[in-house]
Amino acid sequence: MYINHATHAGLAEAYTATRMANPLFNRFCELPVCQQMQIDESMQLFSCLDVVTYHAGAVIYEAGSETDRTMRIIVDGSATASTTSFGESIHLGSGDVFGLFSFLDEGRPHSATVRASSDLTLLCMNRDYFNLISVEDAVLGNLVLRFMFRLLSGMSLKQENEYAAIHHYVTGRYS
């Protein structure tokens, strides 16, 4: 099969221009987790994510429910996550991730109820699709794994800060 390299390069350039003109792609690139990535890496990752929207008040999932094995990143809007065990809710906004632990641990039920506080736009990846990428395209699979590691690192730092704040509150040491 003959590949016209000039045509192929032109199509790749048109694809890049189309992606870069997408406002949702631009918001994805502005997220803290994407700040250190090259534009081509961002485009490859973005093409692996599904766009899902919810209206304000919609329940995305319930605490204790079986996982749908989907990781979600908020790119627009806000949500609340509440647990039955603590009766507290936290605010989630642009750049926040939820469902990641259930995505990684397929047998783990959801630990919180997540509800859209406003109209919400999410970028999502299902575990089955992630598994397929990992097998079919090793380079892209590696990129997605590094992205997941960045997400986990960010969540770990956030939890460490939250635990420290709770500890200071409980022991009476306020910052």
C-alpha atoms as a PDB file:
ATOM      1  CA  MET A   1       0.000   0.000   0.000  1.00  0.00           C
ATOM      2  CA  TYR A   2       1.341   3.406  -0.983  1.00  0.00           C
ATOM      3  CA  ILE A   3       1.152   6.130   1.670  1.00  0.00           C
ATOM      4  CA  ASN A   4       1.274   9.675   0.399  1.00  0.00           C
ATOM      5  CA  HIS A   5       3.342  11.251   3.168  1.00  0.00           C
ATOM      6  CA  ALA A   6       2.379  14.814   2.215  1.00  0.00           C
ATOM      7  CA  THR A   7      -1.315  13.964   2.507  1.00  0.00           C
ATOM      8  CA  HIS A   8      -0.736  12.107   5.764  1.00  0.00           C
ATOM      9  CA  ALA A   9       1.187  15.073   7.221  1.00  0.00           C
ATOM     10  CA  GLY A  10      -1.585  17.443   6.095  1.00  0.00           C
ATOM     11  CA  LEU A  11      -4.251  15.297   7.757  1.00  0.00           C
ATOM     12  CA  ALA A  12      -2.235  15.115  10.966  1.00  0.00           C
ATOM     13  CA  GLU A  13      -1.850  18.896  10.932  1.00  0.00           C
ATOM     14  CA  ALA A  14      -5.601  19.372  10.346  1.00  0.00           C
ATOM     15  CA  TYR A  15      -6.380  16.979  13.206  1.00  0.00           C
ATOM     16  CA  THR A  16      -4.049  18.920  15.503  1.00  0.00           C
ATOM     17  CA  ALA A  17      -5.642  22.246  14.547  1.00  0.00           C
ATOM     18  CA  THR A  18      -9.136  20.853  15.136  1.00  0.00           C
ATOM     19  CA  ARG A  19      -8.185  19.532  18.582  1.00  0.00           C
ATOM     20  CA  MET A  20      -6.512  22.770  19.580  1.00  0.00           C
ATOM     21  CA  ALA A  21      -9.590  24.779  18.528  1.00  0.00           C
ATOM     22  CA  ASN A  22     -11.804  22.713  20.850  1.00  0.00           C
ATOM     23  CA  PRO A  23     -12.520  24.796  23.997  1.00  0.00           C
ATOM     24  CA  LEU A  24     -12.868  21.625  26.094  1.00  0.00           C
ATOM     25  CA  PHE A  25      -9.409  20.483  24.992  1.00  0.00           C
ATOM     26  CA  ASN A  26      -8.013  23.873  25.981  1.00  0.00           C
ATOM     27  CA  ARG A  27      -9.594  23.586  29.453  1.00  0.00           C
ATOM     28  CA  PHE A  28      -8.140  20.074  29.761  1.00  0.00           C
ATOM     29  CA  CYS A  29      -4.662  21.442  28.952  1.00  0.00           C
ATOM     30  CA  GLU A  30      -5.077  24.126  31.648  1.00  0.00           C
ATOM     31  CA  LEU A  31      -5.720  21.575  34.411  1.00  0.00           C
ATOM     32  CA  PRO A  32      -2.838  21.318  36.913  1.00  0.00           C
ATOM     33  CA  VAL A  33      -2.294  17.625  36.099  1.00  0.00           C
ATOM     34  CA  CYS A  34      -1.666  18.539  32.440  1.00  0.00           C
ATOM     35  CA  GLN A  35       0.654  21.498  32.987  1.00  0.00           C
ATOM     36  CA  GLN A  36       3.891  19.542  32.505  1.00  0.00           C
ATOM     37  CA  MET A  37       2.764  17.589  29.431  1.00  0.00           C
ATOM     38  CA  GLN A  38       3.718  18.268  25.830  1.00  0.00           C
ATOM     39  CA  ILE A  39       0.854  19.293  23.523  1.00  0.00           C
ATOM     40  CA  ASP A  40       1.006  16.012  21.567  1.00  0.00           C
ATOM     41  CA  GLU A  41       0.758  14.018  24.825  1.00  0.00           C
ATOM     42  CA  SER A  42      -2.233  16.121  25.885  1.00  0.00           C
ATOM     43  CA  MET A  43      -3.924  15.490  22.541  1.00  0.00           C
ATOM     44  CA  GLN A  44      -3.354  11.744  22.766  1.00  0.00           C
ATOM     45  CA  LEU A  45      -4.749  11.609  26.298  1.00  0.00           C
ATOM     46  CA  PHE A  46      -7.699  13.831  25.467  1.00  0.00           C
ATOM     47  CA  SER A  47      -8.619  11.557  22.554  1.00  0.00           C
ATOM     48  CA  CYS A  48      -8.867   8.637  25.035  1.00  0.00           C
ATOM     49  CA  LEU A  49     -11.390  10.414  27.269  1.00  0.00           C
ATOM     50  CA  ASP A  50     -15.166  10.514  26.846  1.00  0.00           C
ATOM     51  CA  VAL A  51     -17.077  13.732  27.474  1.00  0.00           C
ATOM     52  CA  VAL A  52     -20.039  13.260  29.813  1.00  0.00           C
ATOM     53  CA  THR A  53     -22.374  15.986  31.073  1.00  0.00           C
ATOM     54  CA  TYR A  54     -24.776  16.116  34.012  1.00  0.00           C
ATOM     55  CA  HIS A  55     -27.362  18.704  34.989  1.00  0.00           C
ATOM     56  CA  ALA A  56     -27.284  20.326  38.426  1.00  0.00           C
ATOM     57  CA  GLY A  57     -28.745  17.989  41.054  1.00  0.00           C
ATOM     58  CA  ALA A  58     -28.036  14.769  39.143  1.00  0.00           C
ATOM     59  CA  VAL A  59     -26.541  11.904  41.151  1.00  0.00           C
ATOM     60  CA  ILE A  60     -23.489  10.481  39.417  1.00  0.00           C
ATOM     61  CA  TYR A  61     -23.231   7.528  41.778  1.00  0.00           C
ATOM     62  CA  GLU A  62     -24.222   6.495  45.309  1.00  0.00           C
ATOM     63  CA  ALA A  63     -21.988   5.498  48.215  1.00  0.00           C
ATOM     64  CA  GLY A  64     -21.795   1.723  48.504  1.00  0.00           C
ATOM     65  CA  SER A  65     -22.924   1.142  44.929  1.00  0.00           C
ATOM     66  CA  GLU A  66     -21.037  -1.221  42.688  1.00  0.00           C
ATOM     67  CA  THR A  67     -18.349   0.522  40.698  1.00  0.00           C
ATOM     68  CA  ASP A  68     -18.855   1.272  37.048  1.00  0.00           C
ATOM     69  CA  ARG A  69     -15.034   1.260  36.828  1.00  0.00           C
ATOM     70  CA  THR A  70     -14.857   4.796  35.478  1.00  0.00           C
ATOM     71  CA  MET A  71     -12.426   7.548  36.434  1.00  0.00           C
ATOM     72  CA  ARG A  72     -13.791  11.096  36.077  1.00  0.00           C
ATOM     73  CA  ILE A  73     -12.087  14.501  35.832  1.00  0.00           C
ATOM     74  CA  ILE A  74     -14.132  17.670  36.246  1.00  0.00           C
ATOM     75  CA  VAL A  75     -13.387  20.214  33.532  1.00  0.00           C
ATOM     76  CA  ASP A  76     -16.376  22.488  34.017  1.00  0.00           C
ATOM     77  CA  GLY A  77     -18.851  22.908  36.861  1.00  0.00           C
ATOM     78  CA  SER A  78     -18.870  21.535  40.379  1.00  0.00           C
ATOM     79  CA  ALA A  79     -20.035  18.555  42.400  1.00  0.00           C
ATOM     80  CA  THR A  80     -20.260  17.423  46.007  1.00  0.00           C
ATOM     81  CA  ALA A  81     -19.042  14.133  47.392  1.00  0.00           C
ATOM     82  CA  SER A  82     -20.586  12.979  50.653  1.00  0.00           C
ATOM     83  CA  THR A  83     -20.060   9.894  52.756  1.00  0.00           C
ATOM     84  CA  THR A  84     -22.598   8.214  54.975  1.00  0.00           C
ATOM     85  CA  SER A  85     -19.989   7.299  57.570  1.00  0.00           C
ATOM     86  CA  PHE A  86     -18.857  10.877  58.261  1.00  0.00           C
ATOM     87  CA  GLY A  87     -21.945  12.780  57.125  1.00  0.00           C
ATOM     88  CA  GLU A  88     -19.678  15.403  55.585  1.00  0.00           C
ATOM     89  CA  SER A  89     -19.461  16.564  52.036  1.00  0.00           C
ATOM     90  CA  ILE A  90     -16.603  18.068  50.096  1.00  0.00           C
ATOM     91  CA  HIS A  91     -16.752  20.411  47.147  1.00  0.00           C
ATOM     92  CA  LEU A  92     -15.237  19.238  43.867  1.00  0.00           C
ATOM     93  CA  GLY A  93     -14.392  21.650  41.052  1.00  0.00           C
ATOM     94  CA  SER A  94     -12.406  21.968  37.879  1.00  0.00           C
ATOM     95  CA  GLY A  95      -9.385  19.660  37.897  1.00  0.00           C
ATOM     96  CA  ASP A  96     -10.696  17.403  40.664  1.00  0.00           C
ATOM     97  CA  VAL A  97     -10.819  13.660  40.046  1.00  0.00           C
ATOM     98  CA  PHE A  98     -13.246  11.129  41.461  1.00  0.00           C
ATOM     99  CA  GLY A  99     -13.853   7.431  40.926  1.00  0.00           C
ATOM    100  CA  LEU A 100     -10.129   6.787  40.532  1.00  0.00           C
ATOM    101  CA  PHE A 101      -9.809   4.298  43.382  1.00  0.00           C
ATOM    102  CA  SER A 102     -12.794   2.296  42.136  1.00  0.00           C
ATOM    103  CA  PHE A 103     -11.279   2.483  38.645  1.00  0.00           C
ATOM    104  CA  LEU A 104      -8.025   0.998  39.927  1.00  0.00           C
ATOM    105  CA  ASP A 105      -9.540  -1.521  42.361  1.00  0.00           C
ATOM    106  CA  GLU A 106     -12.300  -3.113  40.327  1.00  0.00           C
ATOM    107  CA  GLY A 107     -13.956  -4.829  43.301  1.00  0.00           C
ATOM    108  CA  ARG A 108     -14.142  -1.713  45.444  1.00  0.00           C
ATOM    109  CA  PRO A 109     -17.606  -0.126  45.807  1.00  0.00           C
ATOM    110  CA  HIS A 110     -17.955   3.654  45.611  1.00  0.00           C
ATOM    111  CA  SER A 111     -17.085   5.274  48.952  1.00  0.00           C
ATOM    112  CA  ALA A 112     -19.153   8.443  48.486  1.00  0.00           C
ATOM    113  CA  THR A 113     -22.272   9.762  46.839  1.00  0.00           C
ATOM    114  CA  VAL A 114     -21.332  12.254  44.145  1.00  0.00           C
ATOM    115  CA  ARG A 115     -23.923  14.797  43.012  1.00  0.00           C
ATOM    116  CA  ALA A 116     -23.620  17.607  40.452  1.00  0.00           C
ATOM    117  CA  SER A 117     -23.870  20.968  42.260  1.00  0.00           C
ATOM    118  CA  SER A 118     -24.061  22.812  38.953  1.00  0.00           C
ATOM    119  CA  ASP A 119     -24.149  21.710  35.352  1.00  0.00           C
ATOM    120  CA  LEU A 120     -21.113  19.507  35.073  1.00  0.00           C
ATOM    121  CA  THR A 121     -18.772  18.481  32.260  1.00  0.00           C
ATOM    122  CA  LEU A 122     -16.549  15.485  32.902  1.00  0.00           C
ATOM    123  CA  LEU A 123     -13.811  13.721  31.004  1.00  0.00           C
ATOM    124  CA  CYS A 124     -14.072   9.998  31.733  1.00  0.00           C
ATOM    125  CA  MET A 125     -12.187   6.802  31.079  1.00  0.00           C
ATOM    126  CA  ASN A 126     -13.622   3.358  31.645  1.00  0.00           C
ATOM    127  CA  ARG A 127     -11.353   0.582  32.925  1.00  0.00           C
ATOM    128  CA  ASP A 128     -12.182  -1.736  30.011  1.00  0.00           C
ATOM    129  CA  TYR A 129     -11.030   0.932  27.544  1.00  0.00           C
ATOM    130  CA  PHE A 130      -7.892   1.532  29.597  1.00  0.00           C
ATOM    131  CA  ASN A 131      -7.141  -2.212  29.521  1.00  0.00           C
ATOM    132  CA  LEU A 132      -7.601  -2.244  25.736  1.00  0.00           C
ATOM    133  CA  ILE A 133      -5.275   0.744  25.259  1.00  0.00           C
ATOM    134  CA  SER A 134      -2.632  -0.902  27.440  1.00  0.00           C
ATOM    135  CA  VAL A 135      -2.665  -4.051  25.323  1.00  0.00           C
ATOM    136  CA  GLU A 136      -3.129  -2.553  21.850  1.00  0.00           C
ATOM    137  CA  ASP A 137      -0.820   0.485  22.011  1.00  0.00           C
ATOM    138  CA  ALA A 138       2.067   0.212  24.466  1.00  0.00           C
ATOM    139  CA  VAL A 139       3.235   3.819  23.976  1.00  0.00           C
ATOM    140  CA  LEU A 140      -0.233   5.268  24.573  1.00  0.00           C
ATOM    141  CA  GLY A 141      -0.793   2.827  27.446  1.00  0.00           C
ATOM    142  CA  ASN A 142       2.414   4.067  29.061  1.00  0.00           C
ATOM    143  CA  LEU A 143       1.273   7.679  28.629  1.00  0.00           C
ATOM    144  CA  VAL A 144      -2.073   6.892  30.265  1.00  0.00           C
ATOM    145  CA  LEU A 145      -0.299   5.096  33.136  1.00  0.00           C
ATOM    146  CA  ARG A 146       1.916   8.131  33.759  1.00  0.00           C
ATOM    147  CA  PHE A 147      -1.198  10.330  33.696  1.00  0.00           C
ATOM    148  CA  MET A 148      -2.889   8.050  36.263  1.00  0.00           C
ATOM    149  CA  PHE A 149       0.212   8.265  38.447  1.00  0.00           C
ATOM    150  CA  ARG A 150       0.030  12.079  38.322  1.00  0.00           C
ATOM    151  CA  LEU A 151      -3.641  11.921  39.312  1.00  0.00           C
ATOM    152  CA  LEU A 152      -2.856   9.586  42.216  1.00  0.00           C
ATOM    153  CA  SER A 153       0.049  11.762  43.358  1.00  0.00           C
ATOM    154  CA  GLY A 154      -2.173  14.824  43.376  1.00  0.00           C
ATOM    155  CA  MET A 155      -4.886  13.018  45.322  1.00  0.00           C
ATOM    156  CA  SER A 156      -2.324  11.727  47.810  1.00  0.00           C
ATOM    157  CA  LEU A 157      -0.951  15.208  48.472  1.00  0.00           C
ATOM    158  CA  LYS A 158      -4.464  16.612  48.837  1.00  0.00           C
ATOM    159  CA  GLN A 159      -5.431  13.907  51.337  1.00  0.00           C
ATOM    160  CA  GLU A 160      -2.208  14.390  53.283  1.00  0.00           C
ATOM    161  CA  ASN A 161      -2.980  18.107  53.611  1.00  0.00           C
ATOM    162  CA  GLU A 162      -6.590  17.386  54.614  1.00  0.00           C
ATOM    163  CA  TYR A 163      -5.490  14.841  57.236  1.00  0.00           C
ATOM    164  CA  ALA A 164      -2.961  17.315  58.631  1.00  0.00           C
ATOM    165  CA  ALA A 165      -5.669  19.999  58.866  1.00  0.00           C
ATOM    166  CA  ILE A 166      -8.009  17.602  60.679  1.00  0.00           C
ATOM    167  CA  HIS A 167      -5.215  16.591  63.055  1.00  0.00           C
ATOM    168  CA  HIS A 168      -4.462  20.236  63.832  1.00  0.00           C
ATOM    169  CA  TYR A 169      -8.158  20.935  64.367  1.00  0.00           C
ATOM    170  CA  VAL A 170      -8.622  17.954  66.702  1.00  0.00           C
ATOM    171  CA  THR A 171      -5.516  18.715  68.729  1.00  0.00           C
ATOM    172  CA  GLY A 172      -6.343  22.417  68.939  1.00  0.00           C
ATOM    173  CA  ARG A 173      -3.407  23.594  66.820  1.00  0.00           C
ATOM    174  CA  TYR A 174      -4.839  25.949  64.210  1.00  0.00           C
ATOM    175  CA  SER A 175      -2.767  27.382  61.411  1.00  0.00           C
END
